[in-house]
Amino acid sequence: MYFQNKSGELLYVDVDQTLDLLQKTTEQEDFVTELMTSIGENHPSYHIFKKIDPSERMTRTGIIEQLVSILRKHDIYQQYPKRLGRGEGI
């Protein structure tokens, strides 16, 4: 999957790694703060985590669940043409 940042640059995003990372953010209370420190302000995803870090746990969980849903849908749609090309069903 590719993500287009504000400057228009396309960045490769590994969906499985991203889903694992989002899972950690729901399981570990301080993970978002530690992650932001680790990746730094210039990282393309920094602004997403900056918005969810101060949010209350329920709000943060809702935001993360929505991101996971979007990623899963995108991943399914990306795999669909590949499977059809090989004659496989979904």
N, C-alpha and C. Protein backbone atom coordinates (compact mmCIF):
# COMPACT_ATOMS: atom_id res chain seq x y z
N MET A 1 0.84 -1.16 0.00
CA MET A 1 0.00 0.00 0.00
C MET A 1 0.90 1.23 0.00
N TYR A 2 0.44 2.28 -0.63
CA TYR A 2 1.20 3.53 -0.67
C TYR A 2 0.39 4.66 -0.04
N PHE A 3 1.09 5.55 0.63
CA PHE A 3 0.51 6.70 1.30
C PHE A 3 1.11 7.94 0.67
N GLN A 4 0.27 8.89 0.30
CA GLN A 4 0.78 10.13 -0.29
C GLN A 4 0.84 11.19 0.80
N ASN A 5 2.04 11.71 1.08
CA ASN A 5 2.16 12.74 2.11
C ASN A 5 1.80 14.11 1.53
N LYS A 6 1.86 15.13 2.38
CA LYS A 6 1.41 16.46 1.97
C LYS A 6 2.19 17.03 0.79
N SER A 7 3.45 16.64 0.65
CA SER A 7 4.26 17.15 -0.46
C SER A 7 4.01 16.39 -1.76
N GLY A 8 3.17 15.34 -1.69
CA GLY A 8 2.87 14.57 -2.88
C GLY A 8 3.73 13.33 -3.06
N GLU A 9 4.71 13.16 -2.19
CA GLU A 9 5.61 12.01 -2.26
C GLU A 9 4.86 10.74 -1.85
N LEU A 10 5.03 9.66 -2.63
CA LEU A 10 4.42 8.38 -2.30
C LEU A 10 5.36 7.59 -1.41
N LEU A 11 4.82 7.09 -0.30
CA LEU A 11 5.60 6.30 0.64
C LEU A 11 4.98 4.92 0.74
N TYR A 12 5.82 3.89 0.75
CA TYR A 12 5.33 2.52 0.90
C TYR A 12 4.94 2.28 2.35
N VAL A 13 3.78 1.67 2.56
CA VAL A 13 3.31 1.34 3.90
C VAL A 13 3.01 -0.15 3.94
N ASP A 14 3.67 -0.87 4.85
CA ASP A 14 3.40 -2.28 5.04
C ASP A 14 2.16 -2.40 5.93
N VAL A 15 1.08 -2.91 5.39
CA VAL A 15 -0.19 -2.95 6.11
C VAL A 15 -0.08 -3.80 7.37
N ASP A 16 0.54 -4.97 7.29
CA ASP A 16 0.66 -5.84 8.46
C ASP A 16 1.45 -5.17 9.58
N GLN A 17 2.55 -4.52 9.23
CA GLN A 17 3.35 -3.83 10.25
C GLN A 17 2.55 -2.68 10.86
N THR A 18 1.81 -1.97 10.04
CA THR A 18 1.01 -0.86 10.54
C THR A 18 -0.09 -1.35 11.47
N LEU A 19 -0.74 -2.45 11.11
CA LEU A 19 -1.78 -3.01 11.98
C LEU A 19 -1.19 -3.46 13.31
N ASP A 20 0.00 -4.07 13.28
CA ASP A 20 0.68 -4.48 14.52
C ASP A 20 0.99 -3.27 15.39
N LEU A 21 1.47 -2.21 14.77
CA LEU A 21 1.80 -0.99 15.50
C LEU A 21 0.54 -0.39 16.14
N LEU A 22 -0.54 -0.34 15.40
CA LEU A 22 -1.79 0.20 15.94
C LEU A 22 -2.32 -0.67 17.07
N GLN A 23 -2.12 -1.97 16.99
CA GLN A 23 -2.53 -2.87 18.07
C GLN A 23 -1.77 -2.54 19.35
N LYS A 24 -0.48 -2.27 19.23
CA LYS A 24 0.32 -1.90 20.41
C LYS A 24 -0.18 -0.61 21.04
N THR A 25 -0.65 0.32 20.22
CA THR A 25 -1.12 1.59 20.76
C THR A 25 -2.38 1.41 21.61
N THR A 26 -3.17 0.39 21.31
CA THR A 26 -4.36 0.14 22.13
C THR A 26 -4.02 -0.65 23.38
N GLU A 27 -2.97 -1.44 23.34
CA GLU A 27 -2.60 -2.29 24.47
C GLU A 27 -1.71 -1.59 25.49
N GLN A 28 -0.86 -0.69 25.04
CA GLN A 28 0.12 -0.05 25.92
C GLN A 28 -0.16 1.45 26.00
N GLU A 29 -0.53 1.91 27.17
CA GLU A 29 -0.97 3.30 27.38
C GLU A 29 0.07 4.33 26.94
N ASP A 30 1.35 4.10 27.22
CA ASP A 30 2.39 5.09 26.92
C ASP A 30 3.06 4.89 25.56
N PHE A 31 2.59 3.92 24.80
CA PHE A 31 3.26 3.58 23.54
C PHE A 31 3.24 4.74 22.54
N VAL A 32 2.14 5.47 22.46
CA VAL A 32 2.04 6.56 21.48
C VAL A 32 3.08 7.64 21.78
N THR A 33 3.20 8.01 23.05
CA THR A 33 4.18 9.03 23.42
C THR A 33 5.60 8.57 23.11
N GLU A 34 5.90 7.32 23.44
CA GLU A 34 7.23 6.76 23.16
C GLU A 34 7.48 6.70 21.66
N LEU A 35 6.46 6.32 20.90
CA LEU A 35 6.59 6.23 19.45
C LEU A 35 6.87 7.60 18.84
N MET A 36 6.14 8.62 19.30
CA MET A 36 6.35 9.97 18.77
C MET A 36 7.77 10.45 19.04
N THR A 37 8.28 10.16 20.21
CA THR A 37 9.66 10.54 20.55
C THR A 37 10.63 9.81 19.64
N SER A 38 10.35 8.54 19.39
CA SER A 38 11.24 7.71 18.57
C SER A 38 11.27 8.14 17.10
N ILE A 39 10.10 8.43 16.51
CA ILE A 39 10.07 8.73 15.07
C ILE A 39 10.41 10.18 14.76
N GLY A 40 10.15 11.09 15.69
CA GLY A 40 10.48 12.50 15.47
C GLY A 40 9.43 13.23 14.65
N GLU A 41 9.49 14.55 14.71
CA GLU A 41 8.48 15.40 14.08
C GLU A 41 8.49 15.35 12.55
N ASN A 42 9.58 14.96 11.94
CA ASN A 42 9.67 14.94 10.47
C ASN A 42 9.09 13.67 9.85
N HIS A 43 8.73 12.70 10.67
CA HIS A 43 8.17 11.45 10.15
C HIS A 43 6.76 11.72 9.59
N PRO A 44 6.40 11.12 8.44
CA PRO A 44 5.10 11.38 7.83
C PRO A 44 3.90 11.04 8.73
N SER A 45 4.06 10.10 9.65
CA SER A 45 2.95 9.69 10.51
C SER A 45 2.89 10.44 11.83
N TYR A 46 3.86 11.28 12.08
CA TYR A 46 3.95 11.97 13.37
C TYR A 46 2.66 12.74 13.69
N HIS A 47 2.12 13.45 12.70
CA HIS A 47 0.94 14.28 12.96
C HIS A 47 -0.28 13.47 13.38
N ILE A 48 -0.38 12.23 12.89
CA ILE A 48 -1.50 11.36 13.28
C ILE A 48 -1.39 11.02 14.76
N PHE A 49 -0.19 10.61 15.18
CA PHE A 49 0.00 10.23 16.57
C PHE A 49 -0.07 11.45 17.50
N LYS A 50 0.32 12.60 16.99
CA LYS A 50 0.25 13.82 17.80
C LYS A 50 -1.21 14.15 18.14
N LYS A 51 -2.11 13.86 17.22
CA LYS A 51 -3.53 14.14 17.47
C LYS A 51 -4.15 13.13 18.44
N ILE A 52 -3.73 11.87 18.38
CA ILE A 52 -4.36 10.87 19.24
C ILE A 52 -3.69 10.74 20.61
N ASP A 53 -2.47 11.23 20.76
CA ASP A 53 -1.76 11.07 22.04
C ASP A 53 -2.49 11.72 23.21
N PRO A 54 -2.91 12.98 23.11
CA PRO A 54 -3.56 13.59 24.27
C PRO A 54 -5.03 13.18 24.44
N SER A 55 -5.57 12.45 23.50
CA SER A 55 -6.97 12.06 23.56
C SER A 55 -7.22 11.09 24.72
N GLU A 56 -8.43 11.12 25.23
CA GLU A 56 -8.79 10.16 26.27
C GLU A 56 -8.76 8.77 25.66
N ARG A 57 -8.61 7.78 26.52
CA ARG A 57 -8.44 6.39 26.06
C ARG A 57 -9.57 5.95 25.11
N MET A 58 -10.81 6.26 25.45
CA MET A 58 -11.93 5.83 24.60
C MET A 58 -11.88 6.51 23.23
N THR A 59 -11.55 7.78 23.21
CA THR A 59 -11.43 8.51 21.94
C THR A 59 -10.29 7.95 21.12
N ARG A 60 -9.14 7.73 21.76
CA ARG A 60 -7.97 7.19 21.08
C ARG A 60 -8.27 5.81 20.50
N THR A 61 -8.95 4.98 21.28
CA THR A 61 -9.30 3.64 20.81
C THR A 61 -10.23 3.73 19.60
N GLY A 62 -11.20 4.64 19.63
CA GLY A 62 -12.10 4.82 18.49
C GLY A 62 -11.38 5.26 17.24
N ILE A 63 -10.45 6.19 17.39
CA ILE A 63 -9.66 6.67 16.24
C ILE A 63 -8.84 5.52 15.67
N ILE A 64 -8.19 4.76 16.54
CA ILE A 64 -7.34 3.65 16.09
C ILE A 64 -8.18 2.58 15.41
N GLU A 65 -9.35 2.26 15.97
CA GLU A 65 -10.21 1.26 15.34
C GLU A 65 -10.65 1.71 13.95
N GLN A 66 -10.91 2.99 13.77
CA GLN A 66 -11.28 3.52 12.45
C GLN A 66 -10.11 3.39 11.47
N LEU A 67 -8.89 3.71 11.93
CA LEU A 67 -7.71 3.56 11.07
C LEU A 67 -7.51 2.11 10.67
N VAL A 68 -7.67 1.20 11.62
CA VAL A 68 -7.52 -0.23 11.33
C VAL A 68 -8.55 -0.67 10.29
N SER A 69 -9.79 -0.22 10.44
CA SER A 69 -10.84 -0.56 9.49
C SER A 69 -10.50 -0.08 8.08
N ILE A 70 -10.03 1.15 7.98
CA ILE A 70 -9.65 1.71 6.68
C ILE A 70 -8.50 0.91 6.06
N LEU A 71 -7.50 0.59 6.86
CA LEU A 71 -6.35 -0.17 6.36
C LEU A 71 -6.77 -1.55 5.88
N ARG A 72 -7.62 -2.21 6.64
CA ARG A 72 -8.06 -3.56 6.24
C ARG A 72 -8.86 -3.52 4.95
N LYS A 73 -9.75 -2.54 4.82
CA LYS A 73 -10.53 -2.41 3.58
C LYS A 73 -9.60 -2.15 2.40
N HIS A 74 -8.66 -1.25 2.58
CA HIS A 74 -7.72 -0.91 1.51
C HIS A 74 -6.91 -2.14 1.11
N ASP A 75 -6.45 -2.90 2.09
CA ASP A 75 -5.65 -4.08 1.82
C ASP A 75 -6.46 -5.12 1.05
N ILE A 76 -7.72 -5.30 1.42
CA ILE A 76 -8.58 -6.25 0.71
C ILE A 76 -8.76 -5.83 -0.74
N TYR A 77 -9.03 -4.54 -0.98
CA TYR A 77 -9.23 -4.05 -2.34
C TYR A 77 -7.95 -4.15 -3.17
N GLN A 78 -6.79 -3.98 -2.53
CA GLN A 78 -5.52 -4.10 -3.25
C GLN A 78 -5.26 -5.55 -3.65
N GLN A 79 -5.67 -6.50 -2.81
CA GLN A 79 -5.41 -7.91 -3.08
C GLN A 79 -6.42 -8.51 -4.06
N TYR A 80 -7.60 -7.93 -4.16
CA TYR A 80 -8.67 -8.48 -4.99
C TYR A 80 -8.24 -8.66 -6.45
N PRO A 81 -7.69 -7.63 -7.13
CA PRO A 81 -7.28 -7.83 -8.53
C PRO A 81 -6.16 -8.87 -8.67
N LYS A 82 -5.27 -8.94 -7.70
CA LYS A 82 -4.18 -9.91 -7.76
C LYS A 82 -4.73 -11.32 -7.72
N ARG A 83 -5.70 -11.55 -6.86
CA ARG A 83 -6.29 -12.88 -6.74
C ARG A 83 -7.06 -13.25 -8.00
N LEU A 84 -7.78 -12.30 -8.58
CA LEU A 84 -8.52 -12.57 -9.81
C LEU A 84 -7.56 -12.92 -10.93
N GLY A 85 -6.42 -12.26 -10.98
CA GLY A 85 -5.43 -12.53 -12.01
C GLY A 85 -4.87 -13.94 -11.94
N ARG A 86 -4.90 -14.51 -10.74
CA ARG A 86 -4.40 -15.88 -10.56
C ARG A 86 -5.54 -16.89 -10.60
N GLY A 87 -6.76 -16.40 -10.85
CA GLY A 87 -7.90 -17.30 -10.92
C GLY A 87 -8.42 -17.73 -9.56
N GLU A 88 -8.07 -16.99 -8.51
CA GLU A 88 -8.52 -17.35 -7.17
C GLU A 88 -9.75 -16.55 -6.80
N GLY A 89 -10.55 -17.09 -5.92
CA GLY A 89 -11.67 -16.35 -5.35
C GLY A 89 -11.20 -15.61 -4.11
N ILE A 90 -12.08 -14.83 -3.58
CA ILE A 90 -11.71 -14.09 -2.36
C ILE A 90 -12.08 -14.89 -1.15
